[in-house]
Amino acid sequence: MDAIYADYSISMSEFKKNPAQVLRTAGEKPVAVLNHNRPAFYMVTPKLFEALIEELADRDLAQLVRQRLACKDAAVEVDIDSL
């Protein structure tokens, strides 16, 4: 059985009847839309989607910082005022 990563779930047929109402009912929480009792997709609000994208970008940036800190010995010191 697949894990469901949402507080709310609904069948595909019920979702098709009134998607806007499903979103209103869930508020800011994600909704798992199920097809044959398995998640087909997740519906999230634009606010939550933006938060997810920002979190992923932050993780990518943190990884880049860790990589650059590991190569700190090869860094060249510069004066910010001379740039």
C-alpha atoms as a PDB file:
ATOM      1  CA  MET A   1       0.000   0.000   0.000  1.00  0.00           C
ATOM      2  CA  ASP A   2       1.248   3.492  -0.862  1.00  0.00           C
ATOM      3  CA  ALA A   3       1.785   6.064   1.880  1.00  0.00           C
ATOM      4  CA  ILE A   4      -0.507   9.082   1.805  1.00  0.00           C
ATOM      5  CA  TYR A   5       1.210  12.339   2.704  1.00  0.00           C
ATOM      6  CA  ALA A   6      -1.877  14.444   3.369  1.00  0.00           C
ATOM      7  CA  ASP A   7      -4.388  15.087   6.124  1.00  0.00           C
ATOM      8  CA  TYR A   8      -7.236  14.886   3.627  1.00  0.00           C
ATOM      9  CA  SER A   9      -7.968  12.374   0.899  1.00  0.00           C
ATOM     10  CA  ILE A  10     -10.767  12.020  -1.603  1.00  0.00           C
ATOM     11  CA  SER A  11     -11.634   9.663  -4.435  1.00  0.00           C
ATOM     12  CA  MET A  12     -11.076  10.779  -8.004  1.00  0.00           C
ATOM     13  CA  SER A  13     -14.806  10.589  -8.775  1.00  0.00           C
ATOM     14  CA  GLU A  14     -15.719  12.761  -5.761  1.00  0.00           C
ATOM     15  CA  PHE A  15     -12.932  15.202  -6.616  1.00  0.00           C
ATOM     16  CA  LYS A  16     -14.233  15.614 -10.184  1.00  0.00           C
ATOM     17  CA  LYS A  17     -17.648  16.670  -8.886  1.00  0.00           C
ATOM     18  CA  ASN A  18     -16.386  19.876  -7.259  1.00  0.00           C
ATOM     19  CA  PRO A  19     -12.605  20.445  -7.054  1.00  0.00           C
ATOM     20  CA  ALA A  20     -12.986  23.999  -5.740  1.00  0.00           C
ATOM     21  CA  GLN A  21     -15.071  22.784  -2.794  1.00  0.00           C
ATOM     22  CA  VAL A  22     -12.421  20.178  -1.940  1.00  0.00           C
ATOM     23  CA  LEU A  23      -9.772  22.917  -1.821  1.00  0.00           C
ATOM     24  CA  ARG A  24     -11.970  25.157   0.336  1.00  0.00           C
ATOM     25  CA  THR A  25     -12.671  22.308   2.758  1.00  0.00           C
ATOM     26  CA  ALA A  26      -8.991  21.417   3.112  1.00  0.00           C
ATOM     27  CA  GLY A  27      -7.934  25.021   3.722  1.00  0.00           C
ATOM     28  CA  GLU A  28      -4.135  25.232   3.554  1.00  0.00           C
ATOM     29  CA  LYS A  29      -3.655  21.461   3.907  1.00  0.00           C
ATOM     30  CA  PRO A  30      -2.679  19.186   0.999  1.00  0.00           C
ATOM     31  CA  VAL A  31      -5.284  16.798  -0.413  1.00  0.00           C
ATOM     32  CA  ALA A  32      -4.495  13.347  -1.766  1.00  0.00           C
ATOM     33  CA  VAL A  33      -6.707  12.477  -4.717  1.00  0.00           C
ATOM     34  CA  LEU A  34      -7.033   8.713  -4.876  1.00  0.00           C
ATOM     35  CA  ASN A  35      -7.550   6.415  -7.836  1.00  0.00           C
ATOM     36  CA  HIS A  36      -8.371   2.843  -6.799  1.00  0.00           C
ATOM     37  CA  ASN A  37      -7.340   3.741  -3.213  1.00  0.00           C
ATOM     38  CA  ARG A  38      -3.850   4.825  -4.293  1.00  0.00           C
ATOM     39  CA  PRO A  39      -2.637   8.430  -4.516  1.00  0.00           C
ATOM     40  CA  ALA A  40      -2.996   9.676  -8.098  1.00  0.00           C
ATOM     41  CA  PHE A  41      -1.878  13.218  -7.268  1.00  0.00           C
ATOM     42  CA  TYR A  42      -1.804  15.811  -4.525  1.00  0.00           C
ATOM     43  CA  MET A  43      -3.632  19.106  -4.655  1.00  0.00           C
ATOM     44  CA  VAL A  44      -2.069  22.035  -2.798  1.00  0.00           C
ATOM     45  CA  THR A  45      -2.795  25.727  -2.589  1.00  0.00           C
ATOM     46  CA  PRO A  46      -0.492  28.176  -4.384  1.00  0.00           C
ATOM     47  CA  LYS A  47       0.766  29.359  -0.975  1.00  0.00           C
ATOM     48  CA  LEU A  48       1.801  25.826   0.044  1.00  0.00           C
ATOM     49  CA  PHE A  49       3.324  25.125  -3.380  1.00  0.00           C
ATOM     50  CA  GLU A  50       5.438  28.291  -3.133  1.00  0.00           C
ATOM     51  CA  ALA A  51       6.590  27.259   0.360  1.00  0.00           C
ATOM     52  CA  LEU A  52       7.614  23.832  -0.971  1.00  0.00           C
ATOM     53  CA  ILE A  53       9.549  25.386  -3.858  1.00  0.00           C
ATOM     54  CA  GLU A  54      11.325  27.800  -1.501  1.00  0.00           C
ATOM     55  CA  GLU A  55      12.262  24.934   0.836  1.00  0.00           C
ATOM     56  CA  LEU A  56      13.754  22.984  -2.074  1.00  0.00           C
ATOM     57  CA  ALA A  57      15.692  26.040  -3.225  1.00  0.00           C
ATOM     58  CA  ASP A  58      17.002  26.569   0.316  1.00  0.00           C
ATOM     59  CA  ARG A  59      18.160  22.946   0.468  1.00  0.00           C
ATOM     60  CA  ASP A  60      19.980  23.312  -2.851  1.00  0.00           C
ATOM     61  CA  LEU A  61      21.644  26.492  -1.602  1.00  0.00           C
ATOM     62  CA  ALA A  62      22.660  24.831   1.690  1.00  0.00           C
ATOM     63  CA  GLN A  63      24.242  21.973  -0.252  1.00  0.00           C
ATOM     64  CA  LEU A  64      26.174  24.457  -2.414  1.00  0.00           C
ATOM     65  CA  VAL A  65      27.417  26.262   0.697  1.00  0.00           C
ATOM     66  CA  ARG A  66      28.608  22.977   2.233  1.00  0.00           C
ATOM     67  CA  GLN A  67      30.453  22.105  -0.996  1.00  0.00           C
ATOM     68  CA  ARG A  68      32.136  25.488  -1.135  1.00  0.00           C
ATOM     69  CA  LEU A  69      33.098  25.357   2.545  1.00  0.00           C
ATOM     70  CA  ALA A  70      34.757  22.003   1.896  1.00  0.00           C
ATOM     71  CA  CYS A  71      36.936  23.700  -0.769  1.00  0.00           C
ATOM     72  CA  LYS A  72      37.734  26.720   1.389  1.00  0.00           C
ATOM     73  CA  ASP A  73      41.498  26.125   1.116  1.00  0.00           C
ATOM     74  CA  ALA A  74      41.347  26.848  -2.639  1.00  0.00           C
ATOM     75  CA  ALA A  75      39.485  30.144  -2.130  1.00  0.00           C
ATOM     76  CA  VAL A  76      40.987  33.448  -3.217  1.00  0.00           C
ATOM     77  CA  GLU A  77      40.565  36.410  -0.892  1.00  0.00           C
ATOM     78  CA  VAL A  78      39.220  39.570  -2.518  1.00  0.00           C
ATOM     79  CA  ASP A  79      38.369  43.062  -1.320  1.00  0.00           C
ATOM     80  CA  ILE A  80      34.664  43.716  -1.873  1.00  0.00           C
ATOM     81  CA  ASP A  81      35.338  47.439  -2.418  1.00  0.00           C
ATOM     82  CA  SER A  82      37.659  46.726  -5.327  1.00  0.00           C
ATOM     83  CA  LEU A  83      34.999  44.810  -7.256  1.00  0.00           C
END
